Amino acid sequence: MGFRRVVTGHREGKAVFASDEVVPPLTMTVQPGAEFYRLWGADAAPTFPGDGAPTPQPNYFPAAGGYRFGVFVVPPADAPGPAEDVDVAAGMADFESKLPGLLAHMEPDNPGFHTTDTIDFEVILSGEVVLELDDGALTVLRAGDTVVQNGTRHKWSNPGSVPAVIAVFLCGANRNG
């Protein structure tokens, strides 16, 4: 699967289509069934006119004032785990190279839980997911539901039998305390 990304820009004072391409998923051997699509972003506010060229995104999560736009797929709970012969160290290094900095936000003692210095705007495109907060509060989200997360500690799970697809726009924020 892939998502088509059409990007506009400016050339000689006119609007142009800068690119039109399918963005393939980033997948990891240590997390079968999960897919990440890094569609757009920057670590600073954009300025115009611009040519529509992508900007560097050295980390998965944006710095304060930056943003990210993407899609991620949460596999169902009954999806198979990593193959028995997977080299976990190599798999984690691959994960870090594809999604730099994401693992640093994950809690090793509480699988799936993470906290980021972002405001996340999410819409469930398909499937069903459970969003759990740090106090154990849960909510079930289905296609068409939206979430605004304000730097909260949380984790996602998918109790269904099909992958859940979530579009996300992350805005880097400053955390006070």
N, C-alpha and C. Protein backbone atom coordinates (compact mmCIF):
# COMPACT_ATOMS: atom_id res chain seq x y z
N MET A 1 0.84 -1.18 0.00
CA MET A 1 0.00 0.00 0.00
C MET A 1 0.89 1.24 0.00
N GLY A 2 0.36 2.33 -0.43
CA GLY A 2 1.05 3.60 -0.40
C GLY A 2 0.02 4.71 -0.43
N PHE A 3 0.43 5.90 -0.10
CA PHE A 3 -0.44 7.07 -0.17
C PHE A 3 0.09 8.00 -1.23
N ARG A 4 -0.79 8.45 -2.10
CA ARG A 4 -0.40 9.41 -3.12
C ARG A 4 -0.26 10.79 -2.47
N ARG A 5 0.88 11.43 -2.73
CA ARG A 5 1.15 12.76 -2.19
C ARG A 5 1.36 13.71 -3.37
N VAL A 6 0.47 14.70 -3.46
CA VAL A 6 0.58 15.74 -4.48
C VAL A 6 1.00 17.01 -3.75
N VAL A 7 2.08 17.63 -4.22
CA VAL A 7 2.63 18.82 -3.58
C VAL A 7 2.62 19.96 -4.59
N THR A 8 2.14 21.13 -4.15
CA THR A 8 2.19 22.32 -5.00
C THR A 8 3.32 23.22 -4.55
N GLY A 9 3.68 24.13 -5.42
CA GLY A 9 4.73 25.10 -5.11
C GLY A 9 4.58 26.30 -6.03
N HIS A 10 5.63 27.09 -6.11
CA HIS A 10 5.63 28.29 -6.94
C HIS A 10 6.83 28.27 -7.87
N ARG A 11 6.63 28.70 -9.09
CA ARG A 11 7.73 28.85 -10.04
C ARG A 11 7.40 30.05 -10.92
N GLU A 12 8.32 31.00 -10.93
CA GLU A 12 8.16 32.21 -11.74
C GLU A 12 6.83 32.90 -11.46
N GLY A 13 6.45 32.95 -10.17
CA GLY A 13 5.24 33.64 -9.77
C GLY A 13 3.94 32.90 -10.01
N LYS A 14 4.02 31.67 -10.44
CA LYS A 14 2.83 30.87 -10.74
C LYS A 14 2.79 29.63 -9.87
N ALA A 15 1.56 29.20 -9.57
CA ALA A 15 1.38 27.93 -8.85
C ALA A 15 1.69 26.78 -9.79
N VAL A 16 2.41 25.78 -9.26
CA VAL A 16 2.78 24.60 -10.04
C VAL A 16 2.61 23.35 -9.19
N PHE A 17 2.48 22.23 -9.85
CA PHE A 17 2.55 20.95 -9.17
C PHE A 17 4.03 20.62 -9.06
N ALA A 18 4.55 20.61 -7.86
CA ALA A 18 5.97 20.35 -7.64
C ALA A 18 6.29 18.86 -7.70
N SER A 19 5.35 18.04 -7.22
CA SER A 19 5.56 16.59 -7.27
C SER A 19 4.23 15.87 -7.13
N ASP A 20 4.20 14.66 -7.62
CA ASP A 20 3.02 13.80 -7.55
C ASP A 20 3.57 12.38 -7.51
N GLU A 21 3.53 11.77 -6.33
CA GLU A 21 4.15 10.45 -6.19
C GLU A 21 3.46 9.65 -5.10
N VAL A 22 3.66 8.36 -5.16
CA VAL A 22 3.16 7.47 -4.12
C VAL A 22 4.25 7.31 -3.08
N VAL A 23 3.90 7.56 -1.83
CA VAL A 23 4.84 7.40 -0.72
C VAL A 23 4.66 6.00 -0.16
N PRO A 24 5.69 5.18 -0.23
CA PRO A 24 5.57 3.81 0.28
C PRO A 24 5.65 3.80 1.81
N PRO A 25 5.15 2.74 2.42
CA PRO A 25 5.23 2.67 3.88
C PRO A 25 6.63 2.34 4.37
N LEU A 26 6.92 2.82 5.56
CA LEU A 26 8.11 2.38 6.28
C LEU A 26 7.64 1.24 7.17
N THR A 27 8.29 0.10 7.06
CA THR A 27 7.93 -1.07 7.85
C THR A 27 9.16 -1.55 8.60
N MET A 28 8.92 -2.23 9.71
CA MET A 28 10.00 -2.72 10.56
C MET A 28 9.80 -4.21 10.86
N THR A 29 10.89 -4.96 10.79
CA THR A 29 10.81 -6.39 11.08
C THR A 29 10.44 -6.66 12.53
N VAL A 30 10.75 -5.73 13.44
CA VAL A 30 10.44 -5.94 14.85
C VAL A 30 9.00 -5.57 15.20
N GLN A 31 8.27 -5.01 14.24
CA GLN A 31 6.87 -4.64 14.48
C GLN A 31 6.04 -4.96 13.23
N PRO A 32 5.86 -6.26 12.93
CA PRO A 32 5.13 -6.64 11.72
C PRO A 32 3.71 -6.07 11.72
N GLY A 33 3.29 -5.63 10.56
CA GLY A 33 1.93 -5.09 10.40
C GLY A 33 1.83 -3.60 10.62
N ALA A 34 2.78 -3.02 11.35
CA ALA A 34 2.78 -1.57 11.54
C ALA A 34 3.36 -0.92 10.29
N GLU A 35 2.78 0.20 9.89
CA GLU A 35 3.28 0.95 8.75
C GLU A 35 3.29 2.42 9.11
N PHE A 36 4.30 3.12 8.65
CA PHE A 36 4.41 4.56 8.88
C PHE A 36 4.64 5.25 7.54
N TYR A 37 3.88 6.28 7.28
CA TYR A 37 4.02 7.07 6.06
C TYR A 37 4.41 8.48 6.47
N ARG A 38 5.62 8.87 6.16
CA ARG A 38 6.10 10.22 6.46
C ARG A 38 5.79 11.07 5.23
N LEU A 39 4.71 11.83 5.29
CA LEU A 39 4.22 12.53 4.12
C LEU A 39 4.79 13.94 3.94
N TRP A 40 4.97 14.68 5.04
CA TRP A 40 5.47 16.05 4.91
C TRP A 40 5.85 16.58 6.28
N GLY A 41 6.66 17.60 6.31
CA GLY A 41 6.98 18.24 7.57
C GLY A 41 8.18 19.14 7.47
N ALA A 42 8.43 19.83 8.55
CA ALA A 42 9.58 20.71 8.67
C ALA A 42 9.79 20.99 10.15
N ASP A 43 10.94 21.55 10.47
CA ASP A 43 11.22 21.91 11.86
C ASP A 43 11.10 23.41 12.11
N ALA A 44 10.50 24.12 11.16
CA ALA A 44 10.25 25.55 11.30
C ALA A 44 9.00 25.89 10.49
N ALA A 45 8.41 27.04 10.78
CA ALA A 45 7.25 27.47 10.01
C ALA A 45 7.64 27.69 8.55
N PRO A 46 6.77 27.30 7.63
CA PRO A 46 7.09 27.48 6.21
C PRO A 46 6.99 28.95 5.80
N THR A 47 7.65 29.26 4.70
CA THR A 47 7.55 30.59 4.09
C THR A 47 7.20 30.42 2.62
N PHE A 48 6.54 31.43 2.07
CA PHE A 48 6.13 31.40 0.66
C PHE A 48 6.66 32.64 -0.03
N PRO A 49 6.90 32.66 -1.32
CA PRO A 49 6.72 31.50 -2.19
C PRO A 49 7.82 30.47 -1.96
N GLY A 50 7.51 29.25 -2.30
CA GLY A 50 8.46 28.16 -2.20
C GLY A 50 8.31 27.24 -3.38
N ASP A 51 9.33 26.45 -3.63
CA ASP A 51 9.30 25.57 -4.81
C ASP A 51 8.57 24.26 -4.57
N GLY A 52 8.16 24.00 -3.32
CA GLY A 52 7.46 22.75 -3.02
C GLY A 52 8.38 21.59 -2.74
N ALA A 53 9.67 21.88 -2.58
CA ALA A 53 10.62 20.82 -2.28
C ALA A 53 10.51 20.42 -0.81
N PRO A 54 10.67 19.14 -0.49
CA PRO A 54 10.61 18.72 0.91
C PRO A 54 11.77 19.30 1.71
N THR A 55 11.53 19.47 3.00
CA THR A 55 12.56 19.99 3.90
C THR A 55 13.07 18.87 4.79
N PRO A 56 14.29 19.00 5.31
CA PRO A 56 14.82 17.95 6.19
C PRO A 56 13.95 17.76 7.44
N GLN A 57 13.81 16.52 7.82
CA GLN A 57 13.10 16.16 9.05
C GLN A 57 13.98 15.16 9.79
N PRO A 58 14.97 15.67 10.52
CA PRO A 58 15.94 14.76 11.12
C PRO A 58 15.36 13.83 12.17
N ASN A 59 14.24 14.21 12.78
CA ASN A 59 13.61 13.36 13.80
C ASN A 59 12.16 13.11 13.44
N TYR A 60 11.65 11.98 13.91
CA TYR A 60 10.25 11.64 13.64
C TYR A 60 9.32 12.70 14.22
N PHE A 61 9.56 13.11 15.45
CA PHE A 61 8.72 14.13 16.08
C PHE A 61 9.32 15.50 15.83
N PRO A 62 8.48 16.51 15.57
CA PRO A 62 9.00 17.85 15.26
C PRO A 62 9.47 18.59 16.50
N ALA A 63 10.42 19.49 16.28
CA ALA A 63 10.85 20.42 17.32
C ALA A 63 9.74 21.47 17.51
N ALA A 64 9.81 22.22 18.60
CA ALA A 64 8.84 23.30 18.83
C ALA A 64 8.82 24.21 17.61
N GLY A 65 7.64 24.51 17.11
CA GLY A 65 7.48 25.33 15.92
C GLY A 65 7.49 24.53 14.63
N GLY A 66 7.84 23.25 14.69
CA GLY A 66 7.85 22.40 13.51
C GLY A 66 6.56 21.60 13.41
N TYR A 67 6.46 20.82 12.37
CA TYR A 67 5.25 20.03 12.15
C TYR A 67 5.57 18.78 11.34
N ARG A 68 4.69 17.81 11.44
CA ARG A 68 4.78 16.59 10.66
C ARG A 68 3.36 16.20 10.23
N PHE A 69 3.27 15.64 9.03
CA PHE A 69 2.02 15.11 8.51
C PHE A 69 2.29 13.69 8.06
N GLY A 70 1.48 12.75 8.51
CA GLY A 70 1.71 11.37 8.14
C GLY A 70 0.51 10.50 8.40
N VAL A 71 0.71 9.24 8.17
CA VAL A 71 -0.29 8.21 8.41
C VAL A 71 0.43 7.06 9.09
N PHE A 72 -0.24 6.43 10.04
CA PHE A 72 0.32 5.20 10.59
C PHE A 72 -0.76 4.14 10.69
N VAL A 73 -0.33 2.89 10.62
CA VAL A 73 -1.22 1.75 10.65
C VAL A 73 -0.92 0.95 11.91
N VAL A 74 -1.97 0.72 12.70
CA VAL A 74 -1.85 -0.08 13.93
C VAL A 74 -2.37 -1.48 13.60
N PRO A 75 -1.50 -2.49 13.66
CA PRO A 75 -1.96 -3.85 13.33
C PRO A 75 -2.90 -4.37 14.42
N PRO A 76 -3.76 -5.32 14.05
CA PRO A 76 -4.65 -5.90 15.06
C PRO A 76 -3.86 -6.69 16.11
N ALA A 77 -4.45 -6.82 17.28
CA ALA A 77 -3.78 -7.50 18.40
C ALA A 77 -3.40 -8.93 18.06
N ASP A 78 -4.20 -9.58 17.18
CA ASP A 78 -3.90 -10.98 16.86
C ASP A 78 -2.93 -11.12 15.69
N ALA A 79 -2.34 -10.01 15.23
CA ALA A 79 -1.34 -10.08 14.15
C ALA A 79 -0.11 -10.81 14.67
N PRO A 80 0.56 -11.56 13.81
CA PRO A 80 1.76 -12.26 14.27
C PRO A 80 2.86 -11.29 14.68
N GLY A 81 3.64 -11.68 15.66
CA GLY A 81 4.78 -10.87 16.10
C GLY A 81 5.96 -11.09 15.18
N PRO A 82 7.12 -10.58 15.58
CA PRO A 82 8.31 -10.76 14.76
C PRO A 82 8.64 -12.24 14.56
N ALA A 83 9.21 -12.55 13.42
CA ALA A 83 9.63 -13.91 13.14
C ALA A 83 10.67 -14.34 14.16
N GLU A 84 10.73 -15.63 14.44
CA GLU A 84 11.66 -16.15 15.45
C GLU A 84 13.11 -15.87 15.11
N ASP A 85 13.42 -15.79 13.82
CA ASP A 85 14.81 -15.60 13.42
C ASP A 85 15.21 -14.13 13.25
N VAL A 86 14.35 -13.20 13.67
CA VAL A 86 14.66 -11.78 13.53
C VAL A 86 15.80 -11.40 14.47
N ASP A 87 16.78 -10.73 13.92
CA ASP A 87 17.88 -10.17 14.71
C ASP A 87 17.34 -8.89 15.35
N VAL A 88 17.00 -8.95 16.64
CA VAL A 88 16.35 -7.84 17.31
C VAL A 88 17.22 -6.59 17.31
N ALA A 89 18.50 -6.71 17.58
CA ALA A 89 19.38 -5.54 17.59
C ALA A 89 19.41 -4.87 16.22
N ALA A 90 19.52 -5.66 15.17
CA ALA A 90 19.51 -5.10 13.81
C ALA A 90 18.14 -4.50 13.49
N GLY A 91 17.08 -5.16 13.95
CA GLY A 91 15.73 -4.66 13.72
C GLY A 91 15.49 -3.33 14.42
N MET A 92 16.00 -3.18 15.64
CA MET A 92 15.85 -1.91 16.36
C MET A 92 16.68 -0.81 15.70
N ALA A 93 17.85 -1.16 15.19
CA ALA A 93 18.68 -0.17 14.48
C ALA A 93 17.97 0.27 13.19
N ASP A 94 17.33 -0.67 12.50
CA ASP A 94 16.57 -0.34 11.30
C ASP A 94 15.40 0.57 11.65
N PHE A 95 14.70 0.27 12.73
CA PHE A 95 13.58 1.09 13.21
C PHE A 95 14.07 2.52 13.45
N GLU A 96 15.18 2.65 14.16
CA GLU A 96 15.73 3.97 14.48
C GLU A 96 16.15 4.72 13.22
N SER A 97 16.68 4.02 12.23
CA SER A 97 17.11 4.70 11.00
C SER A 97 15.91 5.20 10.19
N LYS A 98 14.80 4.47 10.23
CA LYS A 98 13.61 4.86 9.47
C LYS A 98 12.75 5.89 10.19
N LEU A 99 12.69 5.81 11.51
CA LEU A 99 11.86 6.71 12.33
C LEU A 99 12.73 7.29 13.44
N PRO A 100 13.71 8.12 13.09
CA PRO A 100 14.69 8.59 14.07
C PRO A 100 14.05 9.31 15.26
N GLY A 101 14.45 8.87 16.44
CA GLY A 101 13.98 9.50 17.67
C GLY A 101 12.69 8.95 18.23
N LEU A 102 11.93 8.19 17.47
CA LEU A 102 10.65 7.68 17.97
C LEU A 102 10.86 6.73 19.15
N LEU A 103 11.80 5.82 19.03
CA LEU A 103 12.02 4.85 20.11
C LEU A 103 12.42 5.51 21.42
N ALA A 104 13.10 6.64 21.36
CA ALA A 104 13.53 7.33 22.58
C ALA A 104 12.33 7.81 23.40
N HIS A 105 11.18 7.94 22.78
CA HIS A 105 9.97 8.38 23.49
C HIS A 105 9.17 7.21 24.06
N MET A 106 9.51 6.00 23.65
CA MET A 106 8.77 4.83 24.11
C MET A 106 9.29 4.38 25.47
N GLU A 107 8.37 3.91 26.31
CA GLU A 107 8.72 3.46 27.65
C GLU A 107 8.99 1.96 27.65
N PRO A 108 10.24 1.56 27.89
CA PRO A 108 10.56 0.12 27.86
C PRO A 108 9.78 -0.70 28.88
N ASP A 109 9.47 -0.12 30.04
CA ASP A 109 8.76 -0.86 31.09
C ASP A 109 7.25 -0.85 30.91
N ASN A 110 6.74 -0.05 29.98
CA ASN A 110 5.30 0.06 29.72
C ASN A 110 5.10 0.07 28.20
N PRO A 111 5.19 -1.10 27.57
CA PRO A 111 5.16 -1.16 26.11
C PRO A 111 4.01 -0.35 25.49
N GLY A 112 4.38 0.46 24.50
CA GLY A 112 3.41 1.27 23.78
C GLY A 112 3.23 2.67 24.34
N PHE A 113 3.44 2.86 25.64
CA PHE A 113 3.25 4.19 26.22
C PHE A 113 4.37 5.12 25.79
N HIS A 114 3.98 6.35 25.50
CA HIS A 114 4.94 7.38 25.11
C HIS A 114 4.34 8.76 25.36
N THR A 115 5.23 9.73 25.48
CA THR A 115 4.85 11.13 25.67
C THR A 115 5.74 11.95 24.75
N THR A 116 5.13 12.90 24.04
CA THR A 116 5.91 13.75 23.15
C THR A 116 5.56 15.21 23.40
N ASP A 117 6.47 16.08 23.03
CA ASP A 117 6.23 17.52 23.14
C ASP A 117 5.58 18.01 21.86
N THR A 118 4.38 17.48 21.62
CA THR A 118 3.62 17.83 20.43
C THR A 118 2.14 17.93 20.75
N ILE A 119 1.45 18.67 19.91
CA ILE A 119 -0.01 18.60 19.86
C ILE A 119 -0.31 17.77 18.63
N ASP A 120 -1.07 16.71 18.80
CA ASP A 120 -1.35 15.77 17.72
C ASP A 120 -2.81 15.87 17.32
N PHE A 121 -3.04 16.08 16.04
CA PHE A 121 -4.39 16.10 15.47
C PHE A 121 -4.52 14.81 14.66
N GLU A 122 -5.44 13.94 15.06
CA GLU A 122 -5.54 12.62 14.45
C GLU A 122 -6.96 12.35 13.99
N VAL A 123 -7.07 11.65 12.88
CA VAL A 123 -8.38 11.19 12.41
C VAL A 123 -8.23 9.72 12.04
N ILE A 124 -9.18 8.93 12.52
CA ILE A 124 -9.18 7.50 12.22
C ILE A 124 -9.80 7.35 10.83
N LEU A 125 -9.01 6.81 9.90
CA LEU A 125 -9.49 6.63 8.53
C LEU A 125 -10.23 5.32 8.34
N SER A 126 -9.75 4.26 9.01
CA SER A 126 -10.42 2.97 8.93
C SER A 126 -10.02 2.12 10.12
N GLY A 127 -10.84 1.12 10.39
CA GLY A 127 -10.56 0.23 11.51
C GLY A 127 -11.03 0.82 12.83
N GLU A 128 -10.48 0.24 13.90
CA GLU A 128 -10.85 0.63 15.25
C GLU A 128 -9.61 0.58 16.13
N VAL A 129 -9.41 1.60 16.95
CA VAL A 129 -8.29 1.63 17.88
C VAL A 129 -8.78 2.02 19.26
N VAL A 130 -7.99 1.66 20.24
CA VAL A 130 -8.23 2.09 21.61
C VAL A 130 -7.10 3.02 21.98
N LEU A 131 -7.47 4.18 22.50
CA LEU A 131 -6.50 5.14 23.01
C LEU A 131 -6.55 5.04 24.53
N GLU A 132 -5.39 4.74 25.14
CA GLU A 132 -5.30 4.61 26.59
C GLU A 132 -4.41 5.72 27.12
N LEU A 133 -4.87 6.38 28.19
CA LEU A 133 -4.09 7.42 28.84
C LEU A 133 -3.40 6.86 30.07
N ASP A 134 -2.52 7.65 30.68
CA ASP A 134 -1.67 7.14 31.76
C ASP A 134 -2.42 6.71 33.01
N ASP A 135 -3.66 7.17 33.18
CA ASP A 135 -4.42 6.75 34.37
C ASP A 135 -5.29 5.53 34.11
N GLY A 136 -5.12 4.91 32.93
CA GLY A 136 -5.90 3.73 32.59
C GLY A 136 -7.20 4.04 31.87
N ALA A 137 -7.54 5.33 31.71
CA ALA A 137 -8.75 5.69 30.98
C ALA A 137 -8.60 5.27 29.53
N LEU A 138 -9.69 4.71 28.98
CA LEU A 138 -9.69 4.20 27.61
C LEU A 138 -10.83 4.82 26.82
N THR A 139 -10.62 4.99 25.52
CA THR A 139 -11.72 5.33 24.63
C THR A 139 -11.52 4.59 23.32
N VAL A 140 -12.62 4.12 22.76
CA VAL A 140 -12.59 3.41 21.49
C VAL A 140 -12.86 4.43 20.39
N LEU A 141 -12.04 4.38 19.36
CA LEU A 141 -12.16 5.30 18.23
C LEU A 141 -12.36 4.50 16.94
N ARG A 142 -13.28 4.98 16.13
CA ARG A 142 -13.59 4.31 14.87
C ARG A 142 -13.46 5.30 13.71
N ALA A 143 -13.57 4.78 12.50
CA ALA A 143 -13.44 5.61 11.30
C ALA A 143 -14.28 6.88 11.41
N GLY A 144 -13.65 8.02 11.16
CA GLY A 144 -14.31 9.32 11.23
C GLY A 144 -14.12 10.02 12.55
N ASP A 145 -13.70 9.30 13.59
CA ASP A 145 -13.46 9.94 14.90
C ASP A 145 -12.14 10.70 14.83
N THR A 146 -12.06 11.75 15.63
CA THR A 146 -10.85 12.56 15.69
C THR A 146 -10.36 12.66 17.12
N VAL A 147 -9.07 12.97 17.26
CA VAL A 147 -8.45 13.14 18.57
C VAL A 147 -7.53 14.35 18.50
N VAL A 148 -7.53 15.15 19.55
CA VAL A 148 -6.54 16.20 19.73
C VAL A 148 -5.80 15.86 21.01
N GLN A 149 -4.53 15.51 20.88
CA GLN A 149 -3.73 15.15 22.05
C GLN A 149 -2.80 16.31 22.37
N ASN A 150 -2.81 16.71 23.59
CA ASN A 150 -2.03 17.85 24.04
C ASN A 150 -0.84 17.41 24.89
N GLY A 151 0.12 16.76 24.26
CA GLY A 151 1.33 16.33 24.96
C GLY A 151 1.08 15.32 26.05
N THR A 152 0.05 14.51 25.91
CA THR A 152 -0.32 13.55 26.95
C THR A 152 0.39 12.21 26.77
N ARG A 153 0.59 11.53 27.89
CA ARG A 153 1.14 10.17 27.89
C ARG A 153 0.02 9.24 27.45
N HIS A 154 0.32 8.40 26.45
CA HIS A 154 -0.72 7.54 25.90
C HIS A 154 -0.12 6.34 25.17
N LYS A 155 -1.01 5.44 24.78
CA LYS A 155 -0.63 4.35 23.89
C LYS A 155 -1.84 3.96 23.06
N TRP A 156 -1.55 3.35 21.91
CA TRP A 156 -2.58 2.88 20.99
C TRP A 156 -2.62 1.36 21.01
N SER A 157 -3.81 0.79 20.85
CA SER A 157 -3.93 -0.66 20.63
C SER A 157 -5.09 -0.88 19.67
N ASN A 158 -5.09 -2.03 19.07
CA ASN A 158 -6.10 -2.37 18.09
C ASN A 158 -6.70 -3.72 18.45
N PRO A 159 -7.88 -3.72 19.10
CA PRO A 159 -8.50 -4.98 19.49
C PRO A 159 -9.23 -5.68 18.35
N GLY A 160 -9.35 -5.01 17.21
CA GLY A 160 -10.10 -5.57 16.09
C GLY A 160 -9.34 -6.64 15.34
N SER A 161 -9.89 -7.01 14.21
CA SER A 161 -9.29 -8.07 13.39
C SER A 161 -8.69 -7.52 12.10
N VAL A 162 -8.79 -6.19 11.90
CA VAL A 162 -8.22 -5.56 10.70
C VAL A 162 -7.33 -4.40 11.14
N PRO A 163 -6.35 -4.05 10.32
CA PRO A 163 -5.50 -2.90 10.67
C PRO A 163 -6.32 -1.63 10.80
N ALA A 164 -5.87 -0.75 11.69
CA ALA A 164 -6.48 0.57 11.85
C ALA A 164 -5.55 1.60 11.21
N VAL A 165 -6.11 2.50 10.42
CA VAL A 165 -5.32 3.50 9.71
C VAL A 165 -5.65 4.87 10.29
N ILE A 166 -4.61 5.59 10.69
CA ILE A 166 -4.78 6.89 11.36
C ILE A 166 -3.94 7.94 10.65
N ALA A 167 -4.57 9.05 10.26
CA ALA A 167 -3.84 10.19 9.73
C ALA A 167 -3.51 11.11 10.90
N VAL A 168 -2.31 11.70 10.87
CA VAL A 168 -1.88 12.51 12.00
C VAL A 168 -1.13 13.75 11.52
N PHE A 169 -1.40 14.85 12.20
CA PHE A 169 -0.65 16.09 12.00
C PHE A 169 -0.10 16.46 13.36
N LEU A 170 1.23 16.50 13.47
CA LEU A 170 1.92 16.78 14.74
C LEU A 170 2.49 18.18 14.71
N CYS A 171 2.22 18.95 15.75
CA CYS A 171 2.79 20.29 15.89
C CYS A 171 3.73 20.30 17.09
N GLY A 172 4.99 20.65 16.85
CA GLY A 172 5.95 20.71 17.94
C GLY A 172 5.56 21.82 18.92
N ALA A 173 5.68 21.53 20.21
CA ALA A 173 5.26 22.48 21.24
C ALA A 173 6.33 22.55 22.34
N ASN A 174 6.21 23.56 23.16
CA ASN A 174 7.07 23.69 24.33
C ASN A 174 6.33 23.14 25.55
N ARG A 175 7.04 22.36 26.34
CA ARG A 175 6.45 21.80 27.56
C ARG A 175 6.95 22.64 28.74
N ASN A 176 6.03 23.11 29.52
CA ASN A 176 6.37 23.88 30.74
C ASN A 176 6.20 22.96 31.95
N GLY A 177 7.29 22.41 32.40
CA GLY A 177 7.24 21.55 33.58
C GLY A 177 7.10 20.12 33.29
